[in-house]
Amino acid sequence: MFENITLSFQSVWSHKVRSFLTMLGIIIGIASIITIVSTIKGTNDQIKQNLIGSGVNAVVVSLYQDDYQYDMQYSPVPSGVSVLTEEDREELLKLEKIESVSFFNKRSWADNVYYQNTAYSGEVYGVDEYYFDIYGYKLSYGRFFMDSDYAENRKVLLIDSTVCQNLFGGANPIGETIEIGEDAFTVIGVIGQSSEFTPVINSLSDYYMYMDQSGGKMFMPYSTWPVVYRFDEPQTVAVGTASTDDMTKAGQVAADYLTSNKITSSTFSYRSQDLLEQAKQLQEMSTSTNRQLVWIAGISLIVGGIGVMNIMLVTVTERTREIGLKKAIGAKKKRILRQFLTEAAVLTSLGGILGVIVGIALAQLLSYLMQTPTAISVPAIIIAVVFSMIIGILFGLIPAVKASNLNPIDALRRE
């Protein structure tokens, strides 16, 4: 086998231009496939990251009425839905894939919130002590909530950098007072997420899908929430997982538990926000539009294989006397067959390797010029090289069989 490979390289090198032109179809086909697959993988990874974010493996489990998420802001406290307790948290932590649990209340569009004469229209949360760990918040300055803030129902707030900029112009807000309805709250800290993440926006539809349109977020202790809003208001649940892949399962088991144990009305249920499923649907849309391009690029591999078969037939004709001489001194039919199959496989494998290099370069160039995400797929590279070798064997089979079947006497007589 090693001798056949050595002879194959010698043959390729002795006809460099012809060999390169023969490999060109393989190079173009493999390069096209690598480029397309890299673009598909990069786009799919970007979709997943845009939806889920960076470094936060949290699933939101919300209350639904029929098929619609129940809006606590504009609807009464639902009948037949119990508030969550510490016992529920302990039970949820026992479920599969769940690492941490937080209960919180939320107003997506807060009204009657003012700092001096400036109105605030962002989000207001009532959170427990576990919320900030699940979502990876860190303290910019000031302090986090303490146990006494929860125990004494203190009217204190944590705000994010957006609120700090919008209401205070970026100045230090610690100690300032924000009015929520008729109650005055004191700002005690400014927080931000540990992994600041901004979705990549490539189109107007991406902007509307991914961009956060809120005016920021402010947080109060969950025990203070009823002072401003309502008592007995069911909470939303944030479930933390060890990895992104666990999010779907964790959300499902949490929603099933809450629906079974906290709801007595048939019209209500808890459902998880399955971002992985949303990402999967968007990825399938992206992949389906590019799959046809892969098949079209695959046609060039067939064309390249035909080119290999053609050049190998020419090679057999050129080396008829050599084949006759080898058979005359005892070379068996299988040896001749293996020699030409090896040469065809080496030729296409070289084309496959060059195609991979060109494909990676094209993918990076496309990413730079078009500002589109790409991600090199190692399995695709391996498959591409192996596939090119298989093409060489398949399309080199006919010339190899022809060579092995030559009559040594007729081959030696041929000019």
Protein backbone atom coordinates (compact mmCIF):
# COMPACT_ATOMS: atom_id res chain seq x y z
CA MET A 1 0.00 0.00 0.00
CA PHE A 2 2.79 2.43 0.91
CA GLU A 3 4.51 1.71 -2.39
CA ASN A 4 1.27 2.41 -4.29
CA ILE A 5 0.84 5.72 -2.47
CA THR A 6 4.44 6.70 -3.29
CA LEU A 7 3.96 5.86 -6.96
CA SER A 8 0.69 7.84 -6.96
CA PHE A 9 2.39 10.96 -5.65
CA GLN A 10 5.15 10.56 -8.20
CA SER A 11 2.56 10.31 -10.98
CA VAL A 12 0.69 13.39 -9.74
CA TRP A 13 3.91 15.39 -9.43
CA SER A 14 5.17 14.39 -12.87
CA HIS A 15 1.99 15.82 -14.43
CA LYS A 16 1.41 18.80 -12.13
CA VAL A 17 -0.75 20.96 -14.42
CA ARG A 18 -2.88 18.08 -15.61
CA SER A 19 -3.35 16.80 -12.07
CA PHE A 20 -4.33 20.24 -10.79
CA LEU A 21 -6.88 20.73 -13.57
CA THR A 22 -8.26 17.27 -12.79
CA MET A 23 -8.56 18.14 -9.11
CA LEU A 24 -10.17 21.52 -9.83
CA GLY A 25 -13.72 20.14 -9.90
CA ILE A 26 -13.14 18.41 -6.56
CA ILE A 27 -11.56 21.56 -5.09
CA ILE A 28 -14.47 23.76 -6.18
CA GLY A 29 -17.08 21.29 -4.93
CA ILE A 30 -15.48 20.75 -1.52
CA ALA A 31 -14.75 24.47 -1.09
CA SER A 32 -18.36 25.33 -1.90
CA ILE A 33 -19.73 22.80 0.56
CA ILE A 34 -17.36 23.85 3.36
CA THR A 35 -18.27 27.52 2.82
CA ILE A 36 -22.03 26.84 2.81
CA VAL A 37 -21.91 24.50 5.82
CA SER A 38 -19.77 27.00 7.75
CA THR A 39 -22.25 29.77 6.99
CA ILE A 40 -25.20 27.58 8.05
CA LYS A 41 -23.48 26.54 11.29
CA GLY A 42 -22.45 30.12 12.06
CA THR A 43 -25.96 31.42 11.43
CA ASN A 44 -27.51 28.69 13.58
CA ASP A 45 -25.08 29.33 16.44
CA GLN A 46 -25.83 33.05 16.21
CA ILE A 47 -29.59 32.43 16.32
CA LYS A 48 -29.20 30.29 19.43
CA GLN A 49 -26.94 32.83 21.13
CA ASN A 50 -29.21 35.75 20.20
CA LEU A 51 -32.23 34.09 21.76
CA ILE A 52 -30.62 32.61 24.85
CA GLY A 53 -27.86 35.12 25.48
CA SER A 54 -24.38 34.53 26.80
CA GLY A 55 -23.66 32.62 29.97
CA VAL A 56 -27.25 32.55 31.32
CA ASN A 57 -28.97 29.15 31.33
CA ALA A 58 -32.31 30.28 32.74
CA VAL A 59 -35.81 29.21 31.70
CA VAL A 60 -38.84 31.36 32.50
CA VAL A 61 -41.98 29.45 33.53
CA SER A 62 -45.07 31.67 33.30
CA LEU A 63 -48.79 31.40 33.98
CA TYR A 64 -51.04 30.92 30.96
CA GLN A 65 -54.79 31.12 30.52
CA ASP A 66 -55.77 28.83 27.67
CA ASP A 67 -53.12 29.58 25.02
CA TYR A 68 -52.21 33.09 26.13
CA GLN A 69 -49.75 34.24 28.75
CA TYR A 70 -51.65 35.73 31.66
CA ASP A 71 -50.94 39.45 31.99
CA MET A 72 -50.90 40.42 35.66
CA GLN A 73 -50.67 44.07 34.76
CA TYR A 74 -54.09 44.35 33.16
CA SER A 75 -55.91 41.33 34.62
CA PRO A 76 -57.25 40.53 38.10
CA VAL A 77 -55.61 38.06 40.43
CA PRO A 78 -56.53 34.68 38.87
CA SER A 79 -58.88 32.41 40.79
CA GLY A 80 -57.67 28.89 41.46
CA VAL A 81 -53.96 29.71 41.25
CA SER A 82 -51.95 29.61 44.49
CA VAL A 83 -48.90 31.71 45.30
CA LEU A 84 -45.61 29.87 45.52
CA THR A 85 -43.89 29.04 48.78
CA GLU A 86 -40.47 27.96 50.02
CA GLU A 87 -41.76 24.38 50.07
CA ASP A 88 -42.42 24.67 46.32
CA ARG A 89 -38.86 25.88 45.78
CA GLU A 90 -37.51 22.86 47.64
CA GLU A 91 -39.66 20.50 45.59
CA LEU A 92 -38.62 22.13 42.31
CA LEU A 93 -34.94 21.77 43.24
CA LYS A 94 -35.47 18.02 43.51
CA LEU A 95 -36.61 17.78 39.88
CA GLU A 96 -34.44 16.65 36.99
CA LYS A 97 -31.96 19.17 35.48
CA ILE A 98 -32.95 22.02 37.85
CA GLU A 99 -30.01 23.63 39.64
CA SER A 100 -31.59 26.80 41.06
CA VAL A 101 -35.03 28.42 41.35
CA SER A 102 -36.22 32.00 41.72
CA PHE A 103 -39.73 33.43 42.15
CA PHE A 104 -40.48 36.93 40.92
CA ASN A 105 -43.26 39.36 39.93
CA LYS A 106 -43.05 41.70 37.00
CA ARG A 107 -44.59 44.71 35.28
CA SER A 108 -43.42 44.99 31.70
CA TRP A 109 -44.61 48.58 31.26
CA ALA A 110 -44.59 50.30 34.64
CA ASP A 111 -46.81 53.33 35.08
CA ASN A 112 -46.92 55.96 37.81
CA VAL A 113 -43.14 55.68 38.30
CA TYR A 114 -41.30 59.01 38.51
CA TYR A 115 -37.97 60.47 39.43
CA GLN A 116 -38.69 64.14 40.08
CA ASN A 117 -40.50 65.19 36.86
CA THR A 118 -39.18 62.36 34.70
CA ALA A 119 -41.49 59.40 34.01
CA TYR A 120 -40.13 55.86 33.85
CA SER A 121 -41.64 53.39 31.38
CA GLY A 122 -39.40 50.35 31.75
CA GLU A 123 -39.78 47.12 33.69
CA VAL A 124 -40.31 46.70 37.44
CA TYR A 125 -39.51 43.42 39.19
CA GLY A 126 -40.21 42.08 42.65
CA VAL A 127 -37.47 39.49 43.16
CA ASP A 128 -36.21 37.07 45.77
CA GLU A 129 -32.62 36.65 46.88
CA TYR A 130 -31.90 33.95 44.25
CA TYR A 131 -32.84 35.97 41.16
CA PHE A 132 -29.56 37.84 40.75
CA ASP A 133 -27.44 34.68 40.92
CA ILE A 134 -29.52 32.87 38.29
CA TYR A 135 -29.24 35.76 35.83
CA GLY A 136 -25.62 36.53 36.64
CA TYR A 137 -26.01 40.07 37.93
CA LYS A 138 -23.04 41.84 39.46
CA LEU A 139 -22.92 45.03 41.50
CA SER A 140 -21.56 48.14 39.79
CA TYR A 141 -21.81 50.25 42.93
CA GLY A 142 -23.98 50.48 46.03
CA ARG A 143 -25.20 47.22 47.60
CA PHE A 144 -27.47 44.26 46.94
CA PHE A 145 -30.60 43.48 48.95
CA MET A 146 -29.98 42.15 52.46
CA ASP A 147 -32.08 39.72 54.49
CA SER A 148 -33.39 42.63 56.52
CA ASP A 149 -34.70 44.32 53.36
CA TYR A 150 -36.93 41.31 52.77
CA ALA A 151 -37.87 40.79 56.40
CA GLU A 152 -38.82 44.45 57.02
CA ASN A 153 -40.45 45.10 53.61
CA ARG A 154 -38.11 47.99 52.97
CA LYS A 155 -38.85 50.30 50.06
CA VAL A 156 -35.49 50.02 48.34
CA LEU A 157 -34.55 49.61 44.68
CA LEU A 158 -31.77 48.22 42.56
CA ILE A 159 -31.57 49.63 39.02
CA ASP A 160 -29.62 48.69 35.92
CA SER A 161 -27.33 50.94 33.88
CA THR A 162 -30.12 51.83 31.42
CA VAL A 163 -32.31 53.26 34.18
CA CYS A 164 -29.28 54.99 35.67
CA GLN A 165 -28.60 56.68 32.36
CA ASN A 166 -32.22 57.51 31.50
CA LEU A 167 -33.29 58.88 34.87
CA PHE A 168 -30.03 60.15 36.36
CA GLY A 169 -27.94 60.94 33.30
CA GLY A 170 -25.33 58.42 34.38
CA ALA A 171 -24.68 60.19 37.69
CA ASN A 172 -24.44 58.27 40.96
CA PRO A 173 -28.08 57.56 41.97
CA ILE A 174 -27.38 56.02 45.38
CA GLY A 175 -29.71 57.55 47.95
CA GLU A 176 -31.99 59.14 45.36
CA THR A 177 -35.76 58.65 45.63
CA ILE A 178 -38.00 57.16 42.95
CA GLU A 179 -41.77 57.36 43.38
CA ILE A 180 -43.82 54.29 42.50
CA GLY A 181 -47.48 55.23 42.84
CA GLU A 182 -47.78 56.91 46.22
CA ASP A 183 -44.71 55.22 47.72
CA ALA A 184 -41.15 56.54 47.78
CA PHE A 185 -38.33 54.06 47.12
CA THR A 186 -34.64 54.66 47.75
CA VAL A 187 -32.04 53.56 45.21
CA ILE A 188 -29.39 51.45 46.95
CA GLY A 189 -27.43 50.02 44.04
CA VAL A 190 -26.73 49.81 40.31
CA ILE A 191 -26.33 46.34 38.84
CA GLY A 192 -25.51 44.73 35.51
CA GLN A 193 -25.22 41.20 34.19
CA SER A 194 -21.79 39.58 34.44
CA SER A 195 -21.80 38.63 30.75
CA GLU A 196 -23.01 41.71 28.94
CA PHE A 197 -24.57 40.39 25.74
CA THR A 198 -25.81 42.27 22.70
CA PRO A 199 -27.55 40.31 19.91
CA VAL A 200 -25.98 40.48 16.46
CA ILE A 201 -28.37 42.38 14.20
CA ASN A 202 -28.07 41.70 10.46
CA SER A 203 -31.51 42.85 9.28
CA LEU A 204 -34.57 44.83 10.30
CA SER A 205 -36.40 41.62 11.23
CA ASP A 206 -33.47 40.67 13.48
CA TYR A 207 -33.77 44.06 15.17
CA TYR A 208 -37.43 43.62 16.01
CA MET A 209 -36.87 40.01 17.11
CA TYR A 210 -33.85 40.39 19.35
CA MET A 211 -33.49 43.96 20.54
CA ASP A 212 -34.67 44.89 24.01
CA GLN A 213 -37.16 47.70 23.61
CA SER A 214 -37.52 48.37 27.35
CA GLY A 215 -36.37 51.48 29.13
CA GLY A 216 -34.39 49.41 31.63
CA LYS A 217 -35.09 47.36 34.74
CA MET A 218 -35.56 48.20 38.39
CA PHE A 219 -35.90 45.67 41.18
CA MET A 220 -37.55 45.71 44.61
CA PRO A 221 -37.68 42.97 47.27
CA TYR A 222 -40.52 40.54 46.54
CA SER A 223 -41.85 41.07 50.08
CA THR A 224 -42.40 44.76 49.24
CA TRP A 225 -44.27 44.01 46.02
CA PRO A 226 -47.76 43.79 47.63
CA VAL A 227 -47.25 47.22 49.20
CA VAL A 228 -47.18 48.80 45.74
CA TYR A 229 -49.20 46.35 43.69
CA ARG A 230 -51.34 43.40 44.92
CA PHE A 231 -51.40 40.64 47.49
CA ASP A 232 -51.76 36.98 46.46
CA GLU A 233 -50.43 37.65 42.95
CA PRO A 234 -48.97 34.42 41.47
CA GLN A 235 -45.30 34.63 40.70
CA THR A 236 -43.33 33.81 37.60
CA VAL A 237 -40.55 31.24 38.02
CA ALA A 238 -36.96 31.39 36.74
CA VAL A 239 -35.27 27.99 36.63
CA GLY A 240 -31.48 27.80 36.37
CA THR A 241 -29.72 24.84 34.73
CA ALA A 242 -26.15 23.59 34.51
CA SER A 243 -26.02 23.86 30.70
CA THR A 244 -27.98 25.30 27.81
CA ASP A 245 -28.98 21.83 26.62
CA ASP A 246 -30.77 21.17 29.93
CA MET A 247 -33.05 24.19 29.62
CA THR A 248 -35.89 22.51 27.72
CA LYS A 249 -36.15 19.55 30.09
CA ALA A 250 -35.89 21.74 33.21
CA GLY A 251 -38.61 24.07 31.96
CA GLN A 252 -40.94 21.18 31.16
CA VAL A 253 -40.64 19.44 34.52
CA ALA A 254 -41.02 22.74 36.41
CA ALA A 255 -44.14 23.68 34.43
CA ASP A 256 -45.64 20.21 34.98
CA TYR A 257 -45.05 20.38 38.73
CA LEU A 258 -46.52 23.88 39.08
CA THR A 259 -49.57 23.06 36.97
CA SER A 260 -50.27 19.88 38.94
CA ASN A 261 -49.71 21.31 42.43
CA LYS A 262 -50.58 25.02 42.33
CA ILE A 263 -53.58 25.23 39.98
CA THR A 264 -57.13 24.01 40.53
CA SER A 265 -58.72 25.71 37.50
CA SER A 266 -58.75 23.94 34.14
CA THR A 267 -58.31 27.20 32.22
CA PHE A 268 -54.89 27.95 33.71
CA SER A 269 -51.52 26.24 33.35
CA TYR A 270 -47.84 26.96 33.72
CA ARG A 271 -45.69 26.81 30.59
CA SER A 272 -41.98 27.22 30.03
CA GLN A 273 -40.45 29.69 27.63
CA ASP A 274 -38.69 27.18 25.39
CA LEU A 275 -36.03 29.35 23.76
CA LEU A 276 -34.24 26.27 22.45
CA GLU A 277 -37.36 25.28 20.51
CA GLN A 278 -37.64 28.81 19.11
CA ALA A 279 -33.98 28.67 18.12
CA LYS A 280 -34.52 25.25 16.53
CA GLN A 281 -37.40 26.54 14.41
CA LEU A 282 -35.40 29.53 13.21
CA GLN A 283 -32.41 27.28 12.53
CA GLU A 284 -34.54 24.93 10.45
CA MET A 285 -35.77 27.87 8.38
CA SER A 286 -32.18 29.01 7.85
CA THR A 287 -30.92 25.52 7.07
CA SER A 288 -33.70 24.67 4.60
CA THR A 289 -32.88 27.71 2.49
CA ASN A 290 -29.24 26.63 2.25
CA ARG A 291 -29.63 22.87 1.94
CA GLN A 292 -30.40 23.17 -1.76
CA LEU A 293 -27.15 25.08 -2.23
CA VAL A 294 -25.27 22.16 -0.69
CA TRP A 295 -26.84 19.77 -3.21
CA ILE A 296 -25.98 22.11 -6.07
CA ALA A 297 -22.40 22.31 -4.83
CA GLY A 298 -22.40 18.52 -4.62
CA ILE A 299 -23.02 18.35 -8.37
CA SER A 300 -19.56 19.83 -8.95
CA LEU A 301 -18.14 16.86 -7.02
CA ILE A 302 -19.82 14.52 -9.50
CA VAL A 303 -18.37 16.57 -12.34
CA GLY A 304 -14.98 16.41 -10.64
CA GLY A 305 -15.33 12.65 -10.30
CA ILE A 306 -16.05 12.34 -14.02
CA GLY A 307 -12.92 14.38 -14.67
CA VAL A 308 -10.92 11.98 -12.51
CA MET A 309 -12.31 8.99 -14.37
CA ASN A 310 -11.45 10.62 -17.69
CA ILE A 311 -7.86 11.40 -16.73
CA MET A 312 -7.37 7.94 -15.26
CA LEU A 313 -8.54 6.38 -18.54
CA VAL A 314 -5.96 8.54 -20.32
CA THR A 315 -3.35 7.43 -17.79
CA VAL A 316 -4.16 3.78 -18.41
CA THR A 317 -3.73 4.35 -22.15
CA GLU A 318 -0.43 6.16 -21.65
CA ARG A 319 0.94 3.45 -19.35
CA THR A 320 -0.24 0.42 -21.29
CA ARG A 321 3.31 -0.85 -21.91
CA GLU A 322 4.20 -0.33 -18.23
CA ILE A 323 1.15 -2.35 -17.19
CA GLY A 324 2.03 -5.09 -19.71
CA LEU A 325 5.59 -5.25 -18.41
CA LYS A 326 4.44 -5.57 -14.78
CA LYS A 327 2.00 -8.32 -15.65
CA ALA A 328 4.65 -10.09 -17.73
CA ILE A 329 7.03 -10.29 -14.75
CA GLY A 330 4.31 -11.63 -12.46
CA ALA A 331 2.23 -8.71 -11.18
CA LYS A 332 -1.19 -9.98 -10.28
CA LYS A 333 -4.45 -8.49 -11.40
CA LYS A 334 -5.31 -7.28 -7.89
CA ARG A 335 -1.99 -5.41 -7.61
CA ILE A 336 -2.63 -3.47 -10.82
CA LEU A 337 -6.20 -2.74 -9.65
CA ARG A 338 -5.02 -1.46 -6.26
CA GLN A 339 -2.33 0.71 -7.84
CA PHE A 340 -4.74 2.63 -10.05
CA LEU A 341 -7.43 2.86 -7.38
CA THR A 342 -4.84 4.26 -4.97
CA GLU A 343 -3.73 6.81 -7.55
CA ALA A 344 -7.32 7.96 -8.11
CA ALA A 345 -7.93 8.16 -4.33
CA VAL A 346 -4.73 10.14 -3.78
CA LEU A 347 -5.65 12.53 -6.58
CA THR A 348 -9.12 13.26 -5.19
CA SER A 349 -7.91 13.34 -1.57
CA LEU A 350 -5.40 16.05 -2.47
CA GLY A 351 -8.23 17.89 -4.17
CA GLY A 352 -10.37 17.45 -1.05
CA ILE A 353 -7.65 18.82 1.24
CA LEU A 354 -7.05 21.81 -1.04
CA GLY A 355 -10.84 22.30 -1.24
CA VAL A 356 -11.08 22.39 2.56
CA ILE A 357 -8.35 25.02 2.77
CA VAL A 358 -10.00 27.13 0.07
CA GLY A 359 -13.43 26.63 1.69
CA ILE A 360 -12.21 27.84 5.11
CA ALA A 361 -10.56 30.85 3.49
CA LEU A 362 -13.73 31.67 1.53
CA ALA A 363 -15.88 31.32 4.66
CA GLN A 364 -13.67 33.75 6.56
CA LEU A 365 -13.61 36.16 3.61
CA LEU A 366 -17.40 35.98 3.28
CA SER A 367 -17.77 36.63 7.00
CA TYR A 368 -15.53 39.69 6.72
CA LEU A 369 -17.09 41.16 3.59
CA MET A 370 -20.76 40.39 4.28
CA GLN A 371 -20.63 40.69 8.09
CA THR A 372 -22.31 37.31 8.38
CA PRO A 373 -21.42 34.80 11.13
CA THR A 374 -19.52 31.65 10.16
CA ALA A 375 -18.37 28.66 12.20
CA ILE A 376 -16.05 26.01 10.83
CA SER A 377 -17.47 22.51 11.19
CA VAL A 378 -14.79 19.89 11.91
CA PRO A 379 -17.13 16.95 11.09
CA ALA A 380 -17.93 18.59 7.75
CA ILE A 381 -14.20 18.85 6.99
CA ILE A 382 -13.59 15.19 7.80
CA ILE A 383 -16.63 14.06 5.81
CA ALA A 384 -15.57 16.22 2.84
CA VAL A 385 -12.08 14.69 2.66
CA VAL A 386 -13.38 11.14 3.09
CA PHE A 387 -16.10 11.74 0.52
CA SER A 388 -13.57 13.03 -2.00
CA MET A 389 -11.50 9.87 -1.45
CA ILE A 390 -14.59 7.71 -2.01
CA ILE A 391 -15.31 9.62 -5.24
CA GLY A 392 -11.78 8.84 -6.40
CA ILE A 393 -12.26 5.15 -5.69
CA LEU A 394 -15.69 4.97 -7.33
CA PHE A 395 -14.78 6.91 -10.47
CA GLY A 396 -11.34 5.34 -10.64
CA LEU A 397 -12.80 1.86 -10.55
CA ILE A 398 -13.55 1.61 -14.28
CA PRO A 399 -10.03 2.73 -15.37
CA ALA A 400 -8.47 0.46 -12.73
CA VAL A 401 -10.48 -2.55 -13.88
CA LYS A 402 -9.55 -1.76 -17.49
CA ALA A 403 -5.88 -1.63 -16.54
CA SER A 404 -6.00 -4.86 -14.55
CA ASN A 405 -7.74 -6.71 -17.40
CA LEU A 406 -5.15 -5.82 -20.05
CA ASN A 407 -3.55 -8.78 -21.80
CA PRO A 408 0.21 -8.49 -21.10
CA ILE A 409 1.18 -9.55 -24.67
CA ASP A 410 -1.17 -7.02 -26.30
CA ALA A 411 -0.06 -4.34 -23.82
CA LEU A 412 3.64 -4.89 -24.63
CA ARG A 413 2.97 -4.70 -28.39
CA ARG A 414 1.05 -1.38 -28.11
CA GLU A 415 2.95 1.74 -29.12
